[in-house]
């Protein structure tokens, strides 16, 4: 059970890092910022 939690946490970290990289790429190339939607 403990290893399953570790795998889930690692997967979430990887997904978050990937999402952040994609968001940064879009922001650099097209001036889009996903997080701007939450700053209003």
Protein backbone atom coordinates (compact mmCIF):
# COMPACT_ATOMS: atom_id res chain seq x y z
CA UNK A 1 0.00 0.00 0.00
CA UNK A 2 2.87 2.34 0.86
CA UNK A 3 4.47 1.94 -2.56
CA UNK A 4 1.17 2.75 -4.26
CA UNK A 5 1.08 6.10 -2.47
CA UNK A 6 4.65 6.78 -3.57
CA UNK A 7 3.77 6.02 -7.20
CA UNK A 8 0.73 8.31 -7.05
CA UNK A 9 2.76 11.17 -5.59
CA UNK A 10 5.50 10.76 -8.20
CA UNK A 11 2.92 10.69 -10.99
CA UNK A 12 1.30 13.88 -9.69
CA UNK A 13 4.67 15.63 -9.52
CA UNK A 14 5.50 14.60 -13.09
CA UNK A 15 2.09 15.76 -14.35
CA UNK A 16 2.42 19.08 -12.54
CA UNK A 17 5.92 19.63 -13.94
CA UNK A 18 4.70 18.75 -17.46
CA UNK A 19 1.72 21.09 -17.14
CA UNK A 20 3.97 23.89 -15.91
CA UNK A 21 6.35 23.38 -18.85
CA UNK A 22 3.48 23.42 -21.36
CA UNK A 23 2.00 26.54 -19.73
CA UNK A 24 5.40 28.24 -19.89
CA UNK A 25 5.79 27.29 -23.56
CA UNK A 26 2.37 28.66 -24.47
CA UNK A 27 3.00 31.83 -22.50
CA UNK A 28 6.33 32.37 -24.30
CA UNK A 29 5.11 31.55 -27.81
CA UNK A 30 1.55 32.91 -27.90
CA UNK A 31 1.26 35.17 -24.86
CA UNK A 32 -1.26 32.84 -23.24
CA UNK A 33 -1.24 32.27 -19.51
CA UNK A 34 -3.51 29.61 -18.04
CA UNK A 35 -3.07 30.94 -14.50
CA UNK A 36 -4.36 34.36 -15.58
CA UNK A 37 -7.84 32.87 -15.48
CA UNK A 38 -7.50 32.49 -11.70
CA UNK A 39 -5.98 35.94 -11.10
CA UNK A 40 -9.06 37.92 -12.10
